[in-house]
Amino acid sequence: MENKNTYWQENLRLILICLVIWFVVSFGFGILLVDVLNEFRLGGYKLGFWFAQQGSIYAFLGLIFWYSKKMNDLDKKYDVE
């Protein structure tokens, strides 16, 4: 029973990390810090606009692959693969 609880706690920790990163990138960079980031340009576009339109999507895709890799490692660690 202890392994199940530890496995679940580590899984929840990974989910929380993903949600915090996603929130910071999408809401923080795309809405709250848009004026500050718009002073910089990326590929001809203002950086705040880029994060609101494309950056949060790229970050979300990166988080999907990162979470998948970490969960595979976690499954192997607890022998539940």
PDB file of N, CA and C in Angstrom:
ATOM      1  N   MET A   1       0.817  -1.198   0.000  1.00  0.00           N
ATOM      2  CA  MET A   1       0.000   0.000   0.000  1.00  0.00           C
ATOM      3  C   MET A   1       0.866   1.269   0.000  1.00  0.00           C
ATOM      4  N   GLU A   2       1.996   1.202   0.670  1.00  0.00           N
ATOM      5  CA  GLU A   2       2.865   2.378   0.736  1.00  0.00           C
ATOM      6  C   GLU A   2       3.405   2.749  -0.640  1.00  0.00           C
ATOM      7  N   ASN A   3       3.742   1.748  -1.474  1.00  0.00           N
ATOM      8  CA  ASN A   3       4.234   2.017  -2.821  1.00  0.00           C
ATOM      9  C   ASN A   3       3.173   2.699  -3.672  1.00  0.00           C
ATOM     10  N   LYS A   4       1.909   2.298  -3.506  1.00  0.00           N
ATOM     11  CA  LYS A   4       0.826   2.924  -4.268  1.00  0.00           C
ATOM     12  C   LYS A   4       0.676   4.390  -3.897  1.00  0.00           C
ATOM     13  N   ASN A   5       0.764   4.681  -2.616  1.00  0.00           N
ATOM     14  CA  ASN A   5       0.650   6.075  -2.167  1.00  0.00           C
ATOM     15  C   ASN A   5       1.829   6.914  -2.648  1.00  0.00           C
ATOM     16  N   THR A   6       3.013   6.360  -2.579  1.00  0.00           N
ATOM     17  CA  THR A   6       4.209   7.077  -3.036  1.00  0.00           C
ATOM     18  C   THR A   6       4.147   7.310  -4.543  1.00  0.00           C
ATOM     19  N   TYR A   7       3.730   6.287  -5.265  1.00  0.00           N
ATOM     20  CA  TYR A   7       3.583   6.415  -6.726  1.00  0.00           C
ATOM     21  C   TYR A   7       2.586   7.521  -7.054  1.00  0.00           C
ATOM     22  N   TRP A   8       1.452   7.529  -6.378  1.00  0.00           N
ATOM     23  CA  TRP A   8       0.420   8.532  -6.637  1.00  0.00           C
ATOM     24  C   TRP A   8       0.910   9.930  -6.264  1.00  0.00           C
ATOM     25  N   GLN A   9       1.641  10.055  -5.164  1.00  0.00           N
ATOM     26  CA  GLN A   9       2.169  11.362  -4.767  1.00  0.00           C
ATOM     27  C   GLN A   9       3.171  11.889  -5.787  1.00  0.00           C
ATOM     28  N   GLU A  10       4.017  11.019  -6.310  1.00  0.00           N
ATOM     29  CA  GLU A  10       4.974  11.456  -7.330  1.00  0.00           C
ATOM     30  C   GLU A  10       4.261  11.827  -8.624  1.00  0.00           C
ATOM     31  N   ASN A  11       3.211  11.098  -8.965  1.00  0.00           N
ATOM     32  CA  ASN A  11       2.416  11.428 -10.147  1.00  0.00           C
ATOM     33  C   ASN A  11       1.751  12.792  -9.977  1.00  0.00           C
ATOM     34  N   LEU A  12       1.160  13.042  -8.823  1.00  0.00           N
ATOM     35  CA  LEU A  12       0.529  14.341  -8.567  1.00  0.00           C
ATOM     36  C   LEU A  12       1.542  15.479  -8.588  1.00  0.00           C
ATOM     37  N   ARG A  13       2.751  15.213  -8.112  1.00  0.00           N
ATOM     38  CA  ARG A  13       3.798  16.234  -8.155  1.00  0.00           C
ATOM     39  C   ARG A  13       4.142  16.594  -9.587  1.00  0.00           C
ATOM     40  N   LEU A  14       4.244  15.588 -10.482  1.00  0.00           N
ATOM     41  CA  LEU A  14       4.514  15.854 -11.898  1.00  0.00           C
ATOM     42  C   LEU A  14       3.374  16.656 -12.531  1.00  0.00           C
ATOM     43  N   ILE A  15       2.144  16.289 -12.202  1.00  0.00           N
ATOM     44  CA  ILE A  15       0.991  17.012 -12.742  1.00  0.00           C
ATOM     45  C   ILE A  15       1.004  18.459 -12.272  1.00  0.00           C
ATOM     46  N   LEU A  16       1.295  18.676 -10.993  1.00  0.00           N
ATOM     47  CA  LEU A  16       1.341  20.041 -10.460  1.00  0.00           C
ATOM     48  C   LEU A  16       2.432  20.866 -11.140  1.00  0.00           C
ATOM     49  N   ILE A  17       3.592  20.273 -11.366  1.00  0.00           N
ATOM     50  CA  ILE A  17       4.671  20.977 -12.063  1.00  0.00           C
ATOM     51  C   ILE A  17       4.224  21.374 -13.465  1.00  0.00           C
ATOM     52  N   CYS A  18       3.585  20.445 -14.179  1.00  0.00           N
ATOM     53  CA  CYS A  18       3.096  20.738 -15.533  1.00  0.00           C
ATOM     54  C   CYS A  18       2.071  21.872 -15.516  1.00  0.00           C
ATOM     55  N   LEU A  19       1.141  21.837 -14.565  1.00  0.00           N
ATOM     56  CA  LEU A  19       0.115  22.870 -14.501  1.00  0.00           C
ATOM     57  C   LEU A  19       0.692  24.238 -14.175  1.00  0.00           C
ATOM     58  N   VAL A  20       1.673  24.276 -13.283  1.00  0.00           N
ATOM     59  CA  VAL A  20       2.296  25.561 -12.934  1.00  0.00           C
ATOM     60  C   VAL A  20       3.040  26.140 -14.133  1.00  0.00           C
ATOM     61  N   ILE A  21       3.802  25.308 -14.822  1.00  0.00           N
ATOM     62  CA  ILE A  21       4.542  25.789 -16.001  1.00  0.00           C
ATOM     63  C   ILE A  21       3.566  26.262 -17.068  1.00  0.00           C
ATOM     64  N   TRP A  22       2.521  25.487 -17.307  1.00  0.00           N
ATOM     65  CA  TRP A  22       1.525  25.858 -18.314  1.00  0.00           C
ATOM     66  C   TRP A  22       0.842  27.168 -17.944  1.00  0.00           C
ATOM     67  N   PHE A  23       0.505  27.355 -16.669  1.00  0.00           N
ATOM     68  CA  PHE A  23      -0.125  28.586 -16.219  1.00  0.00           C
ATOM     69  C   PHE A  23       0.804  29.781 -16.418  1.00  0.00           C
ATOM     70  N   VAL A  24       2.058  29.629 -16.027  1.00  0.00           N
ATOM     71  CA  VAL A  24       3.013  30.734 -16.151  1.00  0.00           C
ATOM     72  C   VAL A  24       3.201  31.122 -17.616  1.00  0.00           C
ATOM     73  N   VAL A  25       3.342  30.127 -18.489  1.00  0.00           N
ATOM     74  CA  VAL A  25       3.579  30.421 -19.907  1.00  0.00           C
ATOM     75  C   VAL A  25       2.336  31.007 -20.570  1.00  0.00           C
ATOM     76  N   SER A  26       1.175  30.406 -20.339  1.00  0.00           N
ATOM     77  CA  SER A  26      -0.027  30.865 -21.045  1.00  0.00           C
ATOM     78  C   SER A  26      -0.620  32.115 -20.418  1.00  0.00           C
ATOM     79  N   PHE A  27      -0.890  32.099 -19.123  1.00  0.00           N
ATOM     80  CA  PHE A  27      -1.527  33.249 -18.488  1.00  0.00           C
ATOM     81  C   PHE A  27      -0.511  34.334 -18.141  1.00  0.00           C
ATOM     82  N   GLY A  28       0.620  33.910 -17.579  1.00  0.00           N
ATOM     83  CA  GLY A  28       1.628  34.890 -17.167  1.00  0.00           C
ATOM     84  C   GLY A  28       2.268  35.615 -18.335  1.00  0.00           C
ATOM     85  N   PHE A  29       2.832  34.845 -19.279  1.00  0.00           N
ATOM     86  CA  PHE A  29       3.509  35.467 -20.420  1.00  0.00           C
ATOM     87  C   PHE A  29       2.526  35.995 -21.451  1.00  0.00           C
ATOM     88  N   GLY A  30       1.403  35.315 -21.644  1.00  0.00           N
ATOM     89  CA  GLY A  30       0.455  35.703 -22.690  1.00  0.00           C
ATOM     90  C   GLY A  30      -0.489  36.819 -22.296  1.00  0.00           C
ATOM     91  N   ILE A  31      -0.706  37.026 -20.978  1.00  0.00           N
ATOM     92  CA  ILE A  31      -1.678  38.042 -20.551  1.00  0.00           C
ATOM     93  C   ILE A  31      -1.050  39.050 -19.586  1.00  0.00           C
ATOM     94  N   LEU A  32      -0.503  38.556 -18.476  1.00  0.00           N
ATOM     95  CA  LEU A  32      -0.016  39.469 -17.443  1.00  0.00           C
ATOM     96  C   LEU A  32       1.240  40.234 -17.851  1.00  0.00           C
ATOM     97  N   LEU A  33       2.179  39.573 -18.481  1.00  0.00           N
ATOM     98  CA  LEU A  33       3.459  40.205 -18.830  1.00  0.00           C
ATOM     99  C   LEU A  33       3.554  40.583 -20.304  1.00  0.00           C
ATOM    100  N   VAL A  34       2.415  40.644 -20.969  1.00  0.00           N
ATOM    101  CA  VAL A  34       2.429  40.890 -22.415  1.00  0.00           C
ATOM    102  C   VAL A  34       3.064  42.243 -22.762  1.00  0.00           C
ATOM    103  N   ASP A  35       2.792  43.270 -21.982  1.00  0.00           N
ATOM    104  CA  ASP A  35       3.345  44.599 -22.292  1.00  0.00           C
ATOM    105  C   ASP A  35       4.864  44.619 -22.138  1.00  0.00           C
ATOM    106  N   VAL A  36       5.365  43.945 -21.115  1.00  0.00           N
ATOM    107  CA  VAL A  36       6.819  43.881 -20.899  1.00  0.00           C
ATOM    108  C   VAL A  36       7.478  43.079 -22.010  1.00  0.00           C
ATOM    109  N   LEU A  37       6.876  41.945 -22.362  1.00  0.00           N
ATOM    110  CA  LEU A  37       7.461  41.076 -23.387  1.00  0.00           C
ATOM    111  C   LEU A  37       7.343  41.669 -24.787  1.00  0.00           C
ATOM    112  N   ASN A  38       6.366  42.546 -25.001  1.00  0.00           N
ATOM    113  CA  ASN A  38       6.195  43.142 -26.323  1.00  0.00           C
ATOM    114  C   ASN A  38       7.334  44.084 -26.704  1.00  0.00           C
ATOM    115  N   GLU A  39       8.196  44.417 -25.752  1.00  0.00           N
ATOM    116  CA  GLU A  39       9.358  45.251 -26.061  1.00  0.00           C
ATOM    117  C   GLU A  39      10.410  44.470 -26.849  1.00  0.00           C
ATOM    118  N   PHE A  40      10.311  43.151 -26.834  1.00  0.00           N
ATOM    119  CA  PHE A  40      11.240  42.288 -27.560  1.00  0.00           C
ATOM    120  C   PHE A  40      10.523  41.675 -28.751  1.00  0.00           C
ATOM    121  N   ARG A  41      11.311  41.292 -29.745  1.00  0.00           N
ATOM    122  CA  ARG A  41      10.730  40.697 -30.952  1.00  0.00           C
ATOM    123  C   ARG A  41      11.317  39.317 -31.191  1.00  0.00           C
ATOM    124  N   LEU A  42      10.483  38.439 -31.754  1.00  0.00           N
ATOM    125  CA  LEU A  42      10.898  37.086 -32.103  1.00  0.00           C
ATOM    126  C   LEU A  42      10.351  36.795 -33.489  1.00  0.00           C
ATOM    127  N   GLY A  43      11.240  36.701 -34.463  1.00  0.00           N
ATOM    128  CA  GLY A  43      10.809  36.437 -35.834  1.00  0.00           C
ATOM    129  C   GLY A  43       9.945  37.546 -36.407  1.00  0.00           C
ATOM    130  N   GLY A  44      10.169  38.771 -35.982  1.00  0.00           N
ATOM    131  CA  GLY A  44       9.393  39.892 -36.489  1.00  0.00           C
ATOM    132  C   GLY A  44       8.131  40.184 -35.699  1.00  0.00           C
ATOM    133  N   TYR A  45       7.770  39.320 -34.771  1.00  0.00           N
ATOM    134  CA  TYR A  45       6.558  39.509 -33.965  1.00  0.00           C
ATOM    135  C   TYR A  45       6.938  39.928 -32.560  1.00  0.00           C
ATOM    136  N   LYS A  46       6.065  40.692 -31.937  1.00  0.00           N
ATOM    137  CA  LYS A  46       6.292  41.064 -30.549  1.00  0.00           C
ATOM    138  C   LYS A  46       6.235  39.801 -29.700  1.00  0.00           C
ATOM    139  N   LEU A  47       7.142  39.696 -28.732  1.00  0.00           N
ATOM    140  CA  LEU A  47       7.284  38.470 -27.950  1.00  0.00           C
ATOM    141  C   LEU A  47       6.032  38.160 -27.138  1.00  0.00           C
ATOM    142  N   GLY A  48       5.366  39.163 -26.584  1.00  0.00           N
ATOM    143  CA  GLY A  48       4.131  38.930 -25.841  1.00  0.00           C
ATOM    144  C   GLY A  48       3.046  38.362 -26.731  1.00  0.00           C
ATOM    145  N   PHE A  49       2.924  38.905 -27.929  1.00  0.00           N
ATOM    146  CA  PHE A  49       1.956  38.386 -28.892  1.00  0.00           C
ATOM    147  C   PHE A  49       2.307  36.955 -29.271  1.00  0.00           C
ATOM    148  N   TRP A  50       3.610  36.695 -29.484  1.00  0.00           N
ATOM    149  CA  TRP A  50       4.034  35.354 -29.867  1.00  0.00           C
ATOM    150  C   TRP A  50       3.691  34.337 -28.791  1.00  0.00           C
ATOM    151  N   PHE A  51       3.942  34.685 -27.513  1.00  0.00           N
ATOM    152  CA  PHE A  51       3.605  33.759 -26.425  1.00  0.00           C
ATOM    153  C   PHE A  51       2.106  33.527 -26.360  1.00  0.00           C
ATOM    154  N   ALA A  52       1.313  34.556 -26.577  1.00  0.00           N
ATOM    155  CA  ALA A  52      -0.139  34.396 -26.522  1.00  0.00           C
ATOM    156  C   ALA A  52      -0.646  33.526 -27.656  1.00  0.00           C
ATOM    157  N   GLN A  53      -0.019  33.606 -28.831  1.00  0.00           N
ATOM    158  CA  GLN A  53      -0.513  32.880 -29.995  1.00  0.00           C
ATOM    159  C   GLN A  53       0.173  31.541 -30.215  1.00  0.00           C
ATOM    160  N   GLN A  54       1.478  31.467 -30.060  1.00  0.00           N
ATOM    161  CA  GLN A  54       2.223  30.260 -30.401  1.00  0.00           C
ATOM    162  C   GLN A  54       2.998  29.674 -29.228  1.00  0.00           C
ATOM    163  N   GLY A  55       3.586  30.508 -28.424  1.00  0.00           N
ATOM    164  CA  GLY A  55       4.481  30.038 -27.366  1.00  0.00           C
ATOM    165  C   GLY A  55       3.816  29.121 -26.371  1.00  0.00           C
ATOM    166  N   SER A  56       2.582  29.445 -25.982  1.00  0.00           N
ATOM    167  CA  SER A  56       1.897  28.587 -25.023  1.00  0.00           C
ATOM    168  C   SER A  56       1.574  27.229 -25.633  1.00  0.00           C
ATOM    169  N   ILE A  57       1.318  27.184 -26.915  1.00  0.00           N
ATOM    170  CA  ILE A  57       1.052  25.907 -27.591  1.00  0.00           C
ATOM    171  C   ILE A  57       2.326  25.061 -27.614  1.00  0.00           C
ATOM    172  N   TYR A  58       3.451  25.674 -27.963  1.00  0.00           N
ATOM    173  CA  TYR A  58       4.723  24.944 -27.979  1.00  0.00           C
ATOM    174  C   TYR A  58       5.083  24.456 -26.574  1.00  0.00           C
ATOM    175  N   ALA A  59       4.857  25.301 -25.588  1.00  0.00           N
ATOM    176  CA  ALA A  59       5.144  24.894 -24.208  1.00  0.00           C
ATOM    177  C   ALA A  59       4.252  23.719 -23.802  1.00  0.00           C
ATOM    178  N   PHE A  60       2.978  23.757 -24.188  1.00  0.00           N
ATOM    179  CA  PHE A  60       2.060  22.680 -23.865  1.00  0.00           C
ATOM    180  C   PHE A  60       2.507  21.374 -24.526  1.00  0.00           C
ATOM    181  N   LEU A  61       2.901  21.436 -25.782  1.00  0.00           N
ATOM    182  CA  LEU A  61       3.387  20.230 -26.466  1.00  0.00           C
ATOM    183  C   LEU A  61       4.654  19.690 -25.804  1.00  0.00           C
ATOM    184  N   GLY A  62       5.553  20.589 -25.435  1.00  0.00           N
ATOM    185  CA  GLY A  62       6.759  20.170 -24.731  1.00  0.00           C
ATOM    186  C   GLY A  62       6.438  19.503 -23.397  1.00  0.00           C
ATOM    187  N   LEU A  63       5.446  20.044 -22.687  1.00  0.00           N
ATOM    188  CA  LEU A  63       5.045  19.453 -21.417  1.00  0.00           C
ATOM    189  C   LEU A  63       4.444  18.061 -21.598  1.00  0.00           C
ATOM    190  N   ILE A  64       3.720  17.858 -22.681  1.00  0.00           N
ATOM    191  CA  ILE A  64       3.144  16.534 -22.953  1.00  0.00           C
ATOM    192  C   ILE A  64       4.256  15.499 -23.094  1.00  0.00           C
ATOM    193  N   PHE A  65       5.273  15.816 -23.886  1.00  0.00           N
ATOM    194  CA  PHE A  65       6.372  14.877 -24.085  1.00  0.00           C
ATOM    195  C   PHE A  65       7.187  14.686 -22.806  1.00  0.00           C
ATOM    196  N   TRP A  66       7.406  15.767 -22.057  1.00  0.00           N
ATOM    197  CA  TRP A  66       8.155  15.680 -20.808  1.00  0.00           C
ATOM    198  C   TRP A  66       7.402  14.817 -19.797  1.00  0.00           C
ATOM    199  N   TYR A  67       6.097  15.054 -19.673  1.00  0.00           N
ATOM    200  CA  TYR A  67       5.277  14.281 -18.729  1.00  0.00           C
ATOM    201  C   TYR A  67       5.255  12.804 -19.123  1.00  0.00           C
ATOM    202  N   SER A  68       5.138  12.532 -20.403  1.00  0.00           N
ATOM    203  CA  SER A  68       5.129  11.152 -20.878  1.00  0.00           C
ATOM    204  C   SER A  68       6.428  10.438 -20.517  1.00  0.00           C
ATOM    205  N   LYS A  69       7.552  11.101 -20.723  1.00  0.00           N
ATOM    206  CA  LYS A  69       8.859  10.521 -20.394  1.00  0.00           C
ATOM    207  C   LYS A  69       8.981  10.282 -18.898  1.00  0.00           C
ATOM    208  N   LYS A  70       8.597  11.266 -18.101  1.00  0.00           N
ATOM    209  CA  LYS A  70       8.700  11.143 -16.647  1.00  0.00           C
ATOM    210  C   LYS A  70       7.773  10.058 -16.111  1.00  0.00           C
ATOM    211  N   MET A  71       6.577   9.914 -16.685  1.00  0.00           N
ATOM    212  CA  MET A  71       5.659   8.874 -16.237  1.00  0.00           C
ATOM    213  C   MET A  71       6.175   7.488 -16.620  1.00  0.00           C
ATOM    214  N   ASN A  72       6.793   7.363 -17.785  1.00  0.00           N
ATOM    215  CA  ASN A  72       7.410   6.084 -18.148  1.00  0.00           C
ATOM    216  C   ASN A  72       8.511   5.717 -17.160  1.00  0.00           C
ATOM    217  N   ASP A  73       9.323   6.695 -16.786  1.00  0.00           N
ATOM    218  CA  ASP A  73      10.365   6.461 -15.782  1.00  0.00           C
ATOM    219  C   ASP A  73       9.756   6.071 -14.444  1.00  0.00           C
ATOM    220  N   LEU A  74       8.685   6.754 -14.068  1.00  0.00           N
ATOM    221  CA  LEU A  74       8.017   6.463 -12.799  1.00  0.00           C
ATOM    222  C   LEU A  74       7.393   5.069 -12.811  1.00  0.00           C
ATOM    223  N   ASP A  75       6.805   4.692 -13.919  1.00  0.00           N
ATOM    224  CA  ASP A  75       6.229   3.347 -14.038  1.00  0.00           C
ATOM    225  C   ASP A  75       7.300   2.269 -13.899  1.00  0.00           C
ATOM    226  N   LYS A  76       8.450   2.507 -14.502  1.00  0.00           N
ATOM    227  CA  LYS A  76       9.542   1.536 -14.391  1.00  0.00           C
ATOM    228  C   LYS A  76      10.066   1.483 -12.949  1.00  0.00           C
ATOM    229  N   LYS A  77      10.124   2.632 -12.307  1.00  0.00           N
ATOM    230  CA  LYS A  77      10.621   2.702 -10.933  1.00  0.00           C
ATOM    231  C   LYS A  77       9.746   1.879  -9.988  1.00  0.00           C
ATOM    232  N   TYR A  78       8.443   1.930 -10.183  1.00  0.00           N
ATOM    233  CA  TYR A  78       7.505   1.219  -9.306  1.00  0.00           C
ATOM    234  C   TYR A  78       7.004  -0.100  -9.934  1.00  0.00           C
ATOM    235  N   ASP A  79       7.598  -0.496 -11.035  1.00  0.00           N
ATOM    236  CA  ASP A  79       7.298  -1.765 -11.687  1.00  0.00           C
ATOM    237  C   ASP A  79       5.811  -1.917 -12.006  1.00  0.00           C
ATOM    238  N   VAL A  80       5.244  -0.871 -12.615  1.00  0.00           N
ATOM    239  CA  VAL A  80       3.834  -0.907 -13.032  1.00  0.00           C
ATOM    240  C   VAL A  80       3.701  -0.627 -14.540  1.00  0.00           C
ATOM    241  N   GLU A  81       4.775  -0.848 -15.278  1.00  0.00           N
ATOM    242  CA  GLU A  81       4.770  -0.537 -16.710  1.00  0.00           C
ATOM    243  C   GLU A  81       3.917  -1.485 -17.513  1.00  0.00           C
TER     244      GLU A  81
END
